[in-house]
Amino acid sequence: MPISRVVINASPLIVLFRSQQAELLPQLFEEIVIPQGVWEEVLARQPEDIAAQQLRTVPWLRRIDRVENSTKIAAWDLGKGESEVLSWVASHPGYAAIVDDSTCLDWLDLDESANPLATDFLRPLSHARRESQSEQRLVRL
């Protein structure tokens, strides 16, 4: 099943903006969600940072103002953005997370070699453990 809805963490988004490849996201996915914590992390960069500048202008990102953090994910001691990304995925079936943090993968017991590369930039990982009766998916930069 193709991935059509994603929630993205700050580092992959910053890398895509800086490499002028961010426009790949709306070409690959129908819906791209960014939690408030990720939004704040990107905008906390220097005002001249290309990611901070472009984040405010792209029409294809949907910002989520409030994400209920899973108590289990909060216990993993990840950053605010990572916790919000994973909590969103855990509570919204049908979404995949785009992350670059191997800690996220380690906590979710994912096999990085589960699937071949989907594109030069994104790798879908379909092997995930189940939590709350919903399959979690990660896309790792």
N, C-alpha and C. Protein backbone atom coordinates (compact mmCIF):
# COMPACT_ATOMS: atom_id res chain seq x y z
N MET A 1 0.83 -1.18 0.00
CA MET A 1 0.00 0.00 0.00
C MET A 1 0.89 1.25 0.00
N PRO A 2 0.70 2.16 -0.95
CA PRO A 2 1.53 3.37 -1.00
C PRO A 2 1.24 4.29 0.19
N ILE A 3 2.25 5.00 0.59
CA ILE A 3 2.11 5.97 1.67
C ILE A 3 1.65 7.28 1.05
N SER A 4 0.52 7.83 1.55
CA SER A 4 0.02 9.08 0.98
C SER A 4 -0.03 10.21 2.00
N ARG A 5 -0.02 9.87 3.29
CA ARG A 5 -0.10 10.91 4.33
C ARG A 5 1.07 10.73 5.29
N VAL A 6 1.81 11.82 5.49
CA VAL A 6 2.99 11.76 6.35
C VAL A 6 3.00 12.91 7.34
N VAL A 7 3.70 12.68 8.43
CA VAL A 7 4.02 13.73 9.40
C VAL A 7 5.54 13.76 9.47
N ILE A 8 6.11 14.95 9.38
CA ILE A 8 7.56 15.07 9.19
C ILE A 8 8.22 15.76 10.37
N ASN A 9 9.39 15.26 10.72
CA ASN A 9 10.20 15.82 11.78
C ASN A 9 11.08 16.95 11.23
N ALA A 10 11.67 17.73 12.14
CA ALA A 10 12.42 18.93 11.74
C ALA A 10 13.65 18.65 10.88
N SER A 11 14.49 17.73 11.30
CA SER A 11 15.75 17.52 10.57
C SER A 11 15.55 17.13 9.11
N PRO A 12 14.68 16.16 8.79
CA PRO A 12 14.46 15.85 7.37
C PRO A 12 13.91 17.05 6.60
N LEU A 13 13.04 17.81 7.24
CA LEU A 13 12.47 18.98 6.57
C LEU A 13 13.55 20.03 6.30
N ILE A 14 14.40 20.27 7.28
CA ILE A 14 15.49 21.23 7.11
C ILE A 14 16.43 20.79 5.99
N VAL A 15 16.79 19.53 5.97
CA VAL A 15 17.68 19.00 4.92
C VAL A 15 17.04 19.18 3.55
N LEU A 16 15.76 18.88 3.43
CA LEU A 16 15.08 19.01 2.14
C LEU A 16 15.00 20.47 1.70
N PHE A 17 14.72 21.39 2.62
CA PHE A 17 14.70 22.82 2.26
C PHE A 17 16.09 23.28 1.83
N ARG A 18 17.10 22.94 2.61
CA ARG A 18 18.46 23.39 2.30
C ARG A 18 18.99 22.82 0.99
N SER A 19 18.58 21.63 0.65
CA SER A 19 19.04 21.01 -0.59
C SER A 19 18.13 21.34 -1.77
N GLN A 20 17.17 22.20 -1.54
CA GLN A 20 16.20 22.62 -2.55
C GLN A 20 15.43 21.43 -3.11
N GLN A 21 15.15 20.47 -2.24
CA GLN A 21 14.40 19.27 -2.64
C GLN A 21 13.06 19.17 -1.92
N ALA A 22 12.67 20.17 -1.16
CA ALA A 22 11.43 20.10 -0.38
C ALA A 22 10.20 19.91 -1.27
N GLU A 23 10.26 20.39 -2.49
CA GLU A 23 9.11 20.24 -3.39
C GLU A 23 8.86 18.79 -3.79
N LEU A 24 9.78 17.90 -3.43
CA LEU A 24 9.52 16.47 -3.65
C LEU A 24 8.38 15.98 -2.75
N LEU A 25 8.27 16.56 -1.57
CA LEU A 25 7.26 16.08 -0.62
C LEU A 25 5.84 16.11 -1.19
N PRO A 26 5.35 17.23 -1.73
CA PRO A 26 3.99 17.21 -2.28
C PRO A 26 3.87 16.39 -3.56
N GLN A 27 4.99 16.10 -4.20
CA GLN A 27 4.95 15.22 -5.37
C GLN A 27 4.82 13.75 -4.95
N LEU A 28 5.34 13.43 -3.77
CA LEU A 28 5.33 12.06 -3.28
C LEU A 28 4.12 11.73 -2.40
N PHE A 29 3.62 12.75 -1.69
CA PHE A 29 2.57 12.51 -0.71
C PHE A 29 1.41 13.47 -0.91
N GLU A 30 0.20 12.99 -0.62
CA GLU A 30 -0.99 13.82 -0.75
C GLU A 30 -1.13 14.80 0.40
N GLU A 31 -0.71 14.40 1.58
CA GLU A 31 -0.83 15.26 2.76
C GLU A 31 0.46 15.22 3.56
N ILE A 32 0.98 16.40 3.91
CA ILE A 32 2.19 16.52 4.71
C ILE A 32 1.84 17.34 5.94
N VAL A 33 2.00 16.72 7.11
CA VAL A 33 1.63 17.34 8.38
C VAL A 33 2.89 17.67 9.16
N ILE A 34 2.87 18.80 9.86
CA ILE A 34 3.98 19.19 10.72
C ILE A 34 3.41 19.61 12.08
N PRO A 35 3.82 18.93 13.15
CA PRO A 35 3.36 19.31 14.49
C PRO A 35 3.95 20.66 14.92
N GLN A 36 3.29 21.31 15.86
CA GLN A 36 3.72 22.61 16.37
C GLN A 36 5.16 22.56 16.89
N GLY A 37 5.54 21.50 17.58
CA GLY A 37 6.90 21.38 18.11
C GLY A 37 7.95 21.38 17.01
N VAL A 38 7.64 20.75 15.90
CA VAL A 38 8.56 20.74 14.75
C VAL A 38 8.60 22.13 14.12
N TRP A 39 7.44 22.74 13.97
CA TRP A 39 7.34 24.11 13.44
C TRP A 39 8.26 25.04 14.24
N GLU A 40 8.14 24.99 15.56
CA GLU A 40 8.94 25.85 16.43
C GLU A 40 10.43 25.55 16.30
N GLU A 41 10.78 24.28 16.18
CA GLU A 41 12.19 23.91 16.05
C GLU A 41 12.81 24.46 14.77
N VAL A 42 12.08 24.40 13.68
CA VAL A 42 12.59 24.93 12.41
C VAL A 42 12.69 26.45 12.47
N LEU A 43 11.68 27.11 13.03
CA LEU A 43 11.69 28.57 13.08
C LEU A 43 12.67 29.12 14.12
N ALA A 44 13.14 28.30 15.03
CA ALA A 44 14.10 28.74 16.04
C ALA A 44 15.49 28.96 15.44
N ARG A 45 15.67 28.55 14.22
CA ARG A 45 16.95 28.72 13.54
C ARG A 45 17.15 30.21 13.22
N GLN A 46 18.31 30.55 12.74
CA GLN A 46 18.61 31.93 12.37
C GLN A 46 17.60 32.43 11.33
N PRO A 47 17.20 33.70 11.40
CA PRO A 47 16.21 34.22 10.45
C PRO A 47 16.62 34.07 8.98
N GLU A 48 17.93 34.08 8.72
CA GLU A 48 18.38 33.94 7.33
C GLU A 48 18.45 32.48 6.88
N ASP A 49 18.19 31.54 7.77
CA ASP A 49 18.20 30.13 7.41
C ASP A 49 17.09 29.85 6.40
N ILE A 50 17.45 29.17 5.32
CA ILE A 50 16.52 28.93 4.22
C ILE A 50 15.31 28.11 4.67
N ALA A 51 15.53 27.16 5.57
CA ALA A 51 14.41 26.34 6.06
C ALA A 51 13.42 27.20 6.85
N ALA A 52 13.93 28.07 7.70
CA ALA A 52 13.06 28.95 8.49
C ALA A 52 12.29 29.89 7.57
N GLN A 53 12.93 30.38 6.53
CA GLN A 53 12.27 31.28 5.60
C GLN A 53 11.18 30.57 4.80
N GLN A 54 11.51 29.41 4.25
CA GLN A 54 10.58 28.73 3.36
C GLN A 54 9.43 28.05 4.09
N LEU A 55 9.66 27.64 5.33
CA LEU A 55 8.61 26.95 6.08
C LEU A 55 7.33 27.78 6.11
N ARG A 56 7.46 29.07 6.29
CA ARG A 56 6.29 29.95 6.40
C ARG A 56 5.53 30.11 5.08
N THR A 57 6.17 29.78 3.97
CA THR A 57 5.58 30.11 2.67
C THR A 57 5.02 28.93 1.89
N VAL A 58 5.41 27.70 2.24
CA VAL A 58 4.95 26.57 1.43
C VAL A 58 3.48 26.27 1.70
N PRO A 59 2.69 26.15 0.64
CA PRO A 59 1.25 25.94 0.82
C PRO A 59 0.86 24.49 1.11
N TRP A 60 1.77 23.56 0.92
CA TRP A 60 1.43 22.15 1.02
C TRP A 60 1.61 21.56 2.42
N LEU A 61 2.14 22.32 3.36
CA LEU A 61 2.30 21.83 4.74
C LEU A 61 1.06 22.17 5.56
N ARG A 62 0.61 21.20 6.35
CA ARG A 62 -0.51 21.46 7.27
C ARG A 62 0.04 21.40 8.69
N ARG A 63 -0.01 22.53 9.37
CA ARG A 63 0.50 22.59 10.74
C ARG A 63 -0.58 22.13 11.71
N ILE A 64 -0.16 21.29 12.66
CA ILE A 64 -1.04 20.81 13.72
C ILE A 64 -0.65 21.56 14.99
N ASP A 65 -1.58 22.37 15.50
CA ASP A 65 -1.27 23.21 16.66
C ASP A 65 -1.09 22.42 17.95
N ARG A 66 -1.85 21.35 18.10
CA ARG A 66 -1.79 20.61 19.36
C ARG A 66 -1.76 19.11 19.08
N VAL A 67 -0.77 18.45 19.65
CA VAL A 67 -0.65 16.99 19.54
C VAL A 67 -0.66 16.43 20.96
N GLU A 68 -1.56 15.50 21.21
CA GLU A 68 -1.59 14.81 22.50
C GLU A 68 -0.44 13.81 22.53
N ASN A 69 0.55 14.08 23.34
CA ASN A 69 1.70 13.18 23.42
C ASN A 69 1.32 11.90 24.15
N SER A 70 1.65 10.80 23.55
CA SER A 70 1.45 9.49 24.18
C SER A 70 2.35 9.41 25.41
N THR A 71 1.81 8.93 26.52
CA THR A 71 2.62 8.80 27.73
C THR A 71 3.76 7.82 27.52
N LYS A 72 3.51 6.80 26.73
CA LYS A 72 4.56 5.82 26.44
C LYS A 72 5.69 6.47 25.64
N ILE A 73 5.34 7.23 24.63
CA ILE A 73 6.36 7.90 23.81
C ILE A 73 7.06 8.98 24.61
N ALA A 74 6.33 9.70 25.46
CA ALA A 74 6.95 10.73 26.30
C ALA A 74 8.02 10.13 27.21
N ALA A 75 7.82 8.90 27.64
CA ALA A 75 8.79 8.22 28.51
C ALA A 75 10.08 7.88 27.78
N TRP A 76 10.08 7.93 26.46
CA TRP A 76 11.28 7.60 25.69
C TRP A 76 12.32 8.71 25.72
N ASP A 77 11.94 9.87 26.24
CA ASP A 77 12.87 10.99 26.40
C ASP A 77 13.44 11.48 25.06
N LEU A 78 12.56 11.56 24.07
CA LEU A 78 12.93 12.14 22.78
C LEU A 78 12.69 13.64 22.85
N GLY A 79 13.07 14.37 21.83
CA GLY A 79 12.79 15.79 21.78
C GLY A 79 11.30 16.04 21.56
N LYS A 80 10.89 17.29 21.76
CA LYS A 80 9.48 17.64 21.61
C LYS A 80 8.96 17.31 20.21
N GLY A 81 9.71 17.68 19.19
CA GLY A 81 9.28 17.42 17.81
C GLY A 81 9.15 15.94 17.52
N GLU A 82 10.17 15.16 17.88
CA GLU A 82 10.12 13.71 17.64
C GLU A 82 8.95 13.08 18.37
N SER A 83 8.75 13.49 19.63
CA SER A 83 7.64 12.94 20.42
C SER A 83 6.30 13.25 19.77
N GLU A 84 6.14 14.48 19.28
CA GLU A 84 4.88 14.86 18.64
C GLU A 84 4.68 14.10 17.33
N VAL A 85 5.74 13.93 16.56
CA VAL A 85 5.63 13.18 15.30
C VAL A 85 5.18 11.75 15.58
N LEU A 86 5.86 11.07 16.51
CA LEU A 86 5.53 9.68 16.80
C LEU A 86 4.16 9.54 17.47
N SER A 87 3.81 10.50 18.33
CA SER A 87 2.49 10.46 18.97
C SER A 87 1.39 10.64 17.93
N TRP A 88 1.61 11.53 16.95
CA TRP A 88 0.62 11.73 15.89
C TRP A 88 0.42 10.43 15.11
N VAL A 89 1.52 9.80 14.73
CA VAL A 89 1.44 8.55 13.96
C VAL A 89 0.74 7.46 14.78
N ALA A 90 1.06 7.39 16.07
CA ALA A 90 0.46 6.36 16.92
C ALA A 90 -1.05 6.53 17.06
N SER A 91 -1.52 7.78 17.00
CA SER A 91 -2.94 8.03 17.21
C SER A 91 -3.72 8.30 15.93
N HIS A 92 -3.05 8.30 14.80
CA HIS A 92 -3.71 8.57 13.52
C HIS A 92 -3.33 7.50 12.49
N PRO A 93 -4.08 6.41 12.46
CA PRO A 93 -3.79 5.35 11.48
C PRO A 93 -3.78 5.91 10.06
N GLY A 94 -2.91 5.39 9.26
CA GLY A 94 -2.82 5.84 7.87
C GLY A 94 -1.75 6.88 7.63
N TYR A 95 -1.12 7.37 8.69
CA TYR A 95 -0.02 8.31 8.55
C TYR A 95 1.30 7.59 8.75
N ALA A 96 2.32 8.04 8.03
CA ALA A 96 3.69 7.57 8.23
C ALA A 96 4.51 8.74 8.76
N ALA A 97 5.53 8.44 9.54
CA ALA A 97 6.41 9.47 10.08
C ALA A 97 7.69 9.53 9.26
N ILE A 98 8.13 10.74 8.96
CA ILE A 98 9.42 10.93 8.31
C ILE A 98 10.37 11.44 9.39
N VAL A 99 11.34 10.60 9.73
CA VAL A 99 12.30 10.92 10.79
C VAL A 99 13.71 10.60 10.31
N ASP A 100 14.68 11.14 11.02
CA ASP A 100 16.08 10.81 10.72
C ASP A 100 16.78 10.31 11.97
N ASP A 101 16.10 10.23 13.05
CA ASP A 101 16.69 9.90 14.33
C ASP A 101 16.68 8.39 14.56
N SER A 102 17.84 7.79 14.62
CA SER A 102 17.90 6.34 14.81
C SER A 102 17.31 5.93 16.16
N THR A 103 17.28 6.87 17.12
CA THR A 103 16.66 6.57 18.40
C THR A 103 15.19 6.25 18.22
N CYS A 104 14.53 6.99 17.34
CA CYS A 104 13.11 6.71 17.07
C CYS A 104 12.95 5.30 16.54
N LEU A 105 13.80 4.91 15.64
CA LEU A 105 13.73 3.57 15.07
C LEU A 105 14.04 2.51 16.12
N ASP A 106 15.04 2.78 16.95
CA ASP A 106 15.40 1.82 17.99
C ASP A 106 14.25 1.59 18.95
N TRP A 107 13.60 2.67 19.37
CA TRP A 107 12.49 2.54 20.31
C TRP A 107 11.33 1.78 19.71
N LEU A 108 11.15 1.89 18.42
CA LEU A 108 10.04 1.21 17.76
C LEU A 108 10.43 -0.16 17.23
N ASP A 109 11.67 -0.58 17.48
CA ASP A 109 12.14 -1.90 17.06
C ASP A 109 11.97 -2.13 15.56
N LEU A 110 12.38 -1.16 14.76
CA LEU A 110 12.22 -1.28 13.32
C LEU A 110 13.48 -1.81 12.67
N ASP A 111 13.29 -2.61 11.65
CA ASP A 111 14.38 -3.15 10.86
C ASP A 111 14.62 -2.20 9.70
N GLU A 112 15.76 -1.53 9.68
CA GLU A 112 16.04 -0.54 8.65
C GLU A 112 16.11 -1.13 7.25
N SER A 113 16.32 -2.42 7.13
CA SER A 113 16.43 -3.03 5.81
C SER A 113 15.12 -3.68 5.37
N ALA A 114 14.01 -3.31 6.02
CA ALA A 114 12.73 -3.96 5.74
C ALA A 114 12.30 -3.79 4.28
N ASN A 115 12.52 -2.64 3.70
CA ASN A 115 12.10 -2.36 2.33
C ASN A 115 13.21 -1.62 1.60
N PRO A 116 13.28 -1.75 0.29
CA PRO A 116 14.27 -0.98 -0.48
C PRO A 116 13.92 0.50 -0.51
N LEU A 117 14.85 1.29 -1.00
CA LEU A 117 14.61 2.73 -1.13
C LEU A 117 13.41 3.02 -2.00
N ALA A 118 12.59 3.95 -1.54
CA ALA A 118 11.45 4.38 -2.34
C ALA A 118 11.87 5.51 -3.28
N THR A 119 12.72 6.38 -2.80
CA THR A 119 13.28 7.45 -3.63
C THR A 119 14.72 7.65 -3.17
N ASP A 120 15.41 8.60 -3.76
CA ASP A 120 16.77 8.89 -3.32
C ASP A 120 16.80 9.46 -1.91
N PHE A 121 15.70 10.03 -1.44
CA PHE A 121 15.70 10.74 -0.16
C PHE A 121 14.92 10.03 0.93
N LEU A 122 13.91 9.29 0.59
CA LEU A 122 13.02 8.73 1.60
C LEU A 122 12.97 7.22 1.50
N ARG A 123 12.97 6.57 2.63
CA ARG A 123 12.92 5.12 2.67
C ARG A 123 11.75 4.68 3.55
N PRO A 124 10.71 4.09 2.97
CA PRO A 124 9.60 3.66 3.83
C PRO A 124 9.97 2.40 4.58
N LEU A 125 9.58 2.34 5.80
CA LEU A 125 9.81 1.17 6.63
C LEU A 125 8.46 0.62 7.05
N SER A 126 8.11 -0.52 6.52
CA SER A 126 6.79 -1.04 6.80
C SER A 126 6.77 -2.03 7.96
N HIS A 127 7.95 -2.49 8.37
CA HIS A 127 7.98 -3.41 9.50
C HIS A 127 7.94 -2.59 10.78
N ALA A 128 6.84 -2.63 11.47
CA ALA A 128 6.71 -1.88 12.72
C ALA A 128 5.87 -2.68 13.70
N ARG A 129 6.11 -2.43 14.96
CA ARG A 129 5.30 -3.13 15.94
C ARG A 129 3.96 -2.44 16.07
N ARG A 130 2.99 -3.15 16.54
CA ARG A 130 1.65 -2.60 16.72
C ARG A 130 1.51 -2.02 18.12
N GLU A 131 0.85 -0.89 18.18
CA GLU A 131 0.54 -0.26 19.45
C GLU A 131 -0.85 0.33 19.30
N SER A 132 -1.70 0.08 20.24
CA SER A 132 -3.08 0.58 20.24
C SER A 132 -3.83 0.14 18.99
N GLN A 133 -3.57 -1.07 18.55
CA GLN A 133 -4.27 -1.68 17.41
C GLN A 133 -4.03 -0.96 16.09
N SER A 134 -3.02 -0.11 15.99
CA SER A 134 -2.74 0.55 14.72
C SER A 134 -1.29 0.34 14.33
N GLU A 135 -1.06 0.14 13.04
CA GLU A 135 0.31 -0.07 12.56
C GLU A 135 1.02 1.26 12.49
N GLN A 136 2.22 1.29 13.02
CA GLN A 136 3.04 2.49 12.95
C GLN A 136 3.99 2.33 11.79
N ARG A 137 4.23 3.42 11.10
CA ARG A 137 5.18 3.40 9.99
C ARG A 137 6.11 4.57 10.12
N LEU A 138 7.32 4.37 9.69
CA LEU A 138 8.31 5.44 9.67
C LEU A 138 8.91 5.52 8.29
N VAL A 139 9.20 6.71 7.88
CA VAL A 139 9.99 6.94 6.68
C VAL A 139 11.24 7.62 7.18
N ARG A 140 12.39 7.02 6.93
CA ARG A 140 13.63 7.55 7.46
C ARG A 140 14.44 8.21 6.36
N LEU A 141 14.92 9.41 6.64
CA LEU A 141 15.74 10.15 5.69
C LEU A 141 17.07 9.47 5.57
